[in-house]
Amino acid sequence: MIYFDNETKRKVVARIVEKLLPGGYLIVGHSESLNGINDSVKLVKPTIYRLPHVARA
């Protein structure tokens, strides 16, 4: 994704994230970052992001 503009990155990542199950991981390349691209996933370690579990009511 390093060659994509930010808007394209947002669209691509949003489509991937919507397919993740709660608690699912998204692993990106070492030169990638989702800072400012998607706030749905949380950084676990460099290049590893996780979609949080949904809190039950």
Foldseek 3Di string as FASTA:
>chain_A
DVPDDLVVLLVVVVVVVVPADAFGKAFDDQVDDCVVRDPQWDDPDRRITGRHHDDDD
